[in-house]
PDB file of N, CA and C in Angstrom:
ATOM      1  N   MET A   1      91.295 -17.636-130.973  1.00  0.00           N
ATOM      2  CA  MET A   1      90.869 -17.258-132.296  1.00  0.00           C
ATOM      3  C   MET A   1      89.548 -17.972-132.566  1.00  0.00           C
ATOM      4  N   GLY A   2      88.554 -17.215-133.001  1.00  0.00           N
ATOM      5  CA  GLY A   2      87.256 -17.782-133.311  1.00  0.00           C
ATOM      6  C   GLY A   2      86.225 -16.688-133.458  1.00  0.00           C
ATOM      7  N   PRO A   3      85.010 -17.054-133.817  1.00  0.00           N
ATOM      8  CA  PRO A   3      83.968 -16.055-133.992  1.00  0.00           C
ATOM      9  C   PRO A   3      83.630 -15.371-132.666  1.00  0.00           C
ATOM     10  N   ALA A   4      83.175 -14.126-132.748  1.00  0.00           N
ATOM     11  CA  ALA A   4      82.820 -13.363-131.547  1.00  0.00           C
ATOM     12  C   ALA A   4      81.687 -14.038-130.783  1.00  0.00           C
ATOM     13  N   ASP A   5      80.726 -14.579-131.501  1.00  0.00           N
ATOM     14  CA  ASP A   5      79.610 -15.281-130.879  1.00  0.00           C
ATOM     15  C   ASP A   5      79.721 -16.755-131.246  1.00  0.00           C
ATOM     16  N   GLY A   6      80.025 -17.588-130.289  1.00  0.00           N
ATOM     17  CA  GLY A   6      80.225 -19.007-130.545  1.00  0.00           C
ATOM     18  C   GLY A   6      78.950 -19.823-130.560  1.00  0.00           C
ATOM     19  N   SER A   7      77.788 -19.173-130.440  1.00  0.00           N
ATOM     20  CA  SER A   7      76.520 -19.908-130.434  1.00  0.00           C
ATOM     21  C   SER A   7      76.329 -20.663-131.733  1.00  0.00           C
ATOM     22  N   GLY A   8      76.056 -21.937-131.633  1.00  0.00           N
ATOM     23  CA  GLY A   8      75.768 -22.757-132.801  1.00  0.00           C
ATOM     24  C   GLY A   8      76.969 -23.122-133.649  1.00  0.00           C
ATOM     25  N   VAL A   9      78.150 -22.728-133.258  1.00  0.00           N
ATOM     26  CA  VAL A   9      79.346 -23.047-134.044  1.00  0.00           C
ATOM     27  C   VAL A   9      79.744 -24.489-133.757  1.00  0.00           C
ATOM     28  N   PHE A  10      79.878 -25.279-134.814  1.00  0.00           N
ATOM     29  CA  PHE A  10      80.245 -26.675-134.614  1.00  0.00           C
ATOM     30  C   PHE A  10      81.487 -27.091-135.368  1.00  0.00           C
ATOM     31  N   SER A  11      82.074 -26.190-136.116  1.00  0.00           N
ATOM     32  CA  SER A  11      83.307 -26.533-136.810  1.00  0.00           C
ATOM     33  C   SER A  11      84.071 -25.253-137.132  1.00  0.00           C
ATOM     34  N   ILE A  12      85.351 -25.212-136.791  1.00  0.00           N
ATOM     35  CA  ILE A  12      86.216 -24.080-137.136  1.00  0.00           C
ATOM     36  C   ILE A  12      87.367 -24.626-137.954  1.00  0.00           C
ATOM     37  N   GLY A  13      87.536 -24.065-139.148  1.00  0.00           N
ATOM     38  CA  GLY A  13      88.594 -24.532-140.040  1.00  0.00           C
ATOM     39  C   GLY A  13      89.954 -24.018-139.606  1.00  0.00           C
ATOM     40  N   PRO A  14      91.003 -24.588-140.145  1.00  0.00           N
ATOM     41  CA  PRO A  14      92.355 -24.141-139.794  1.00  0.00           C
ATOM     42  C   PRO A  14      92.608 -22.735-140.331  1.00  0.00           C
ATOM     43  N   PRO A  15      93.358 -21.927-139.597  1.00  0.00           N
ATOM     44  CA  PRO A  15      93.617 -20.563-140.062  1.00  0.00           C
ATOM     45  C   PRO A  15      94.632 -20.530-141.200  1.00  0.00           C
ATOM     46  N   ALA A  16      94.478 -19.515-142.033  1.00  0.00           N
ATOM     47  CA  ALA A  16      95.485 -19.197-143.046  1.00  0.00           C
ATOM     48  C   ALA A  16      96.188 -17.942-142.545  1.00  0.00           C
ATOM     49  N   VAL A  17      97.488 -18.026-142.347  1.00  0.00           N
ATOM     50  CA  VAL A  17      98.262 -16.919-141.782  1.00  0.00           C
ATOM     51  C   VAL A  17      99.176 -16.354-142.859  1.00  0.00           C
ATOM     52  N   SER A  18      99.249 -15.026-142.905  1.00  0.00           N
ATOM     53  CA  SER A  18     100.115 -14.385-143.894  1.00  0.00           C
ATOM     54  C   SER A  18     101.584 -14.687-143.589  1.00  0.00           C
ATOM     55  N   ALA A  19     102.432 -14.462-144.570  1.00  0.00           N
ATOM     56  CA  ALA A  19     103.854 -14.776-144.433  1.00  0.00           C
ATOM     57  C   ALA A  19     104.503 -14.010-143.272  1.00  0.00           C
ATOM     58  N   ASP A  20     104.063 -12.773-143.037  1.00  0.00           N
ATOM     59  CA  ASP A  20     104.661 -11.995-141.944  1.00  0.00           C
ATOM     60  C   ASP A  20     103.963 -12.246-140.602  1.00  0.00           C
ATOM     61  N   GLY A  21     102.903 -13.052-140.589  1.00  0.00           N
ATOM     62  CA  GLY A  21     102.218 -13.416-139.359  1.00  0.00           C
ATOM     63  C   GLY A  21     101.315 -12.335-138.790  1.00  0.00           C
ATOM     64  N   ARG A  22     101.117 -11.250-139.520  1.00  0.00           N
ATOM     65  CA  ARG A  22     100.332 -10.134-138.992  1.00  0.00           C
ATOM     66  C   ARG A  22      98.846 -10.261-139.260  1.00  0.00           C
ATOM     67  N   THR A  23      98.453 -11.030-140.250  1.00  0.00           N
ATOM     68  CA  THR A  23      97.038 -11.188-140.578  1.00  0.00           C
ATOM     69  C   THR A  23      96.696 -12.661-140.716  1.00  0.00           C
ATOM     70  N   TYR A  24      95.429 -12.960-140.494  1.00  0.00           N
ATOM     71  CA  TYR A  24      94.981 -14.340-140.605  1.00  0.00           C
ATOM     72  C   TYR A  24      93.521 -14.354-141.041  1.00  0.00           C
ATOM     73  N   ALA A  25      93.099 -15.494-141.518  1.00  0.00           N
ATOM     74  CA  ALA A  25      91.707 -15.709-141.913  1.00  0.00           C
ATOM     75  C   ALA A  25      91.339 -17.142-141.542  1.00  0.00           C
ATOM     76  N   TYR A  26      90.073 -17.347-141.242  1.00  0.00           N
ATOM     77  CA  TYR A  26      89.593 -18.691-140.933  1.00  0.00           C
ATOM     78  C   TYR A  26      88.116 -18.751-141.296  1.00  0.00           C
ATOM     79  N   ASN A  27      87.583 -19.947-141.380  1.00  0.00           N
ATOM     80  CA  ASN A  27      86.154 -20.096-141.655  1.00  0.00           C
ATOM     81  C   ASN A  27      85.544 -20.959-140.563  1.00  0.00           C
ATOM     82  N   TYR A  28      84.229 -20.856-140.442  1.00  0.00           N
ATOM     83  CA  TYR A  28      83.534 -21.672-139.448  1.00  0.00           C
ATOM     84  C   TYR A  28      82.130 -21.981-139.931  1.00  0.00           C
ATOM     85  N   LEU A  29      81.591 -23.085-139.440  1.00  0.00           N
ATOM     86  CA  LEU A  29      80.228 -23.486-139.746  1.00  0.00           C
ATOM     87  C   LEU A  29      79.368 -23.222-138.521  1.00  0.00           C
ATOM     88  N   GLN A  30      78.212 -22.607-138.772  1.00  0.00           N
ATOM     89  CA  GLN A  30      77.331 -22.219-137.674  1.00  0.00           C
ATOM     90  C   GLN A  30      75.912 -22.628-138.028  1.00  0.00           C
ATOM     91  N   TRP A  31      75.249 -23.237-137.091  1.00  0.00           N
ATOM     92  CA  TRP A  31      73.874 -23.667-137.285  1.00  0.00           C
ATOM     93  C   TRP A  31      73.002 -22.932-136.278  1.00  0.00           C
ATOM     94  N   LEU A  32      72.142 -22.052-136.781  1.00  0.00           N
ATOM     95  CA  LEU A  32      71.220 -21.311-135.927  1.00  0.00           C
ATOM     96  C   LEU A  32      69.795 -21.648-136.320  1.00  0.00           C
ATOM     97  N   SER A  33      68.908 -21.624-135.365  1.00  0.00           N
ATOM     98  CA  SER A  33      67.502 -21.877-135.640  1.00  0.00           C
ATOM     99  C   SER A  33      66.655 -21.082-134.653  1.00  0.00           C
ATOM    100  N   ASN A  34      65.373 -21.071-134.875  1.00  0.00           N
ATOM    101  CA  ASN A  34      64.431 -20.373-134.003  1.00  0.00           C
ATOM    102  C   ASN A  34      63.478 -21.371-133.368  1.00  0.00           C
ATOM    103  N   LEU A  35      63.148 -21.127-132.143  1.00  0.00           N
ATOM    104  CA  LEU A  35      62.174 -21.941-131.439  1.00  0.00           C
ATOM    105  C   LEU A  35      61.015 -21.030-131.077  1.00  0.00           C
ATOM    106  N   PHE A  36      59.824 -21.386-131.510  1.00  0.00           N
ATOM    107  CA  PHE A  36      58.637 -20.613-131.209  1.00  0.00           C
ATOM    108  C   PHE A  36      57.773 -21.397-130.240  1.00  0.00           C
ATOM    109  N   ILE A  37      57.422 -20.800-129.142  1.00  0.00           N
ATOM    110  CA  ILE A  37      56.542 -21.429-128.151  1.00  0.00           C
ATOM    111  C   ILE A  37      55.179 -20.761-128.238  1.00  0.00           C
ATOM    112  N   VAL A  38      54.174 -21.571-128.496  1.00  0.00           N
ATOM    113  CA  VAL A  38      52.812 -21.063-128.612  1.00  0.00           C
ATOM    114  C   VAL A  38      52.006 -21.646-127.465  1.00  0.00           C
ATOM    115  N   GLU A  39      51.337 -20.785-126.750  1.00  0.00           N
ATOM    116  CA  GLU A  39      50.504 -21.212-125.622  1.00  0.00           C
ATOM    117  C   GLU A  39      49.085 -20.729-125.837  1.00  0.00           C
ATOM    118  N   GLY A  40      48.153 -21.458-125.269  1.00  0.00           N
ATOM    119  CA  GLY A  40      46.762 -21.037-125.278  1.00  0.00           C
ATOM    120  C   GLY A  40      45.985 -21.304-126.554  1.00  0.00           C
ATOM    121  N   LEU A  41      46.474 -22.184-127.414  1.00  0.00           N
ATOM    122  CA  LEU A  41      45.721 -22.516-128.639  1.00  0.00           C
ATOM    123  C   LEU A  41      44.547 -23.418-128.273  1.00  0.00           C
ATOM    124  N   ARG A  42      43.462 -23.241-128.954  1.00  0.00           N
ATOM    125  CA  ARG A  42      42.281 -24.086-128.726  1.00  0.00           C
ATOM    126  C   ARG A  42      41.821 -24.700-130.010  1.00  0.00           C
TER     127      ARG A  42
END
């Protein structure tokens, strides 16, 4: 159980499961950033 893309995920909270066990929900913290590489500057 977890996000489809685990990139940058650093914390997954405990799941909340329905009484019949058929559905669940959870939360997660994800940190994404961009890296820009610049070449040839003068």
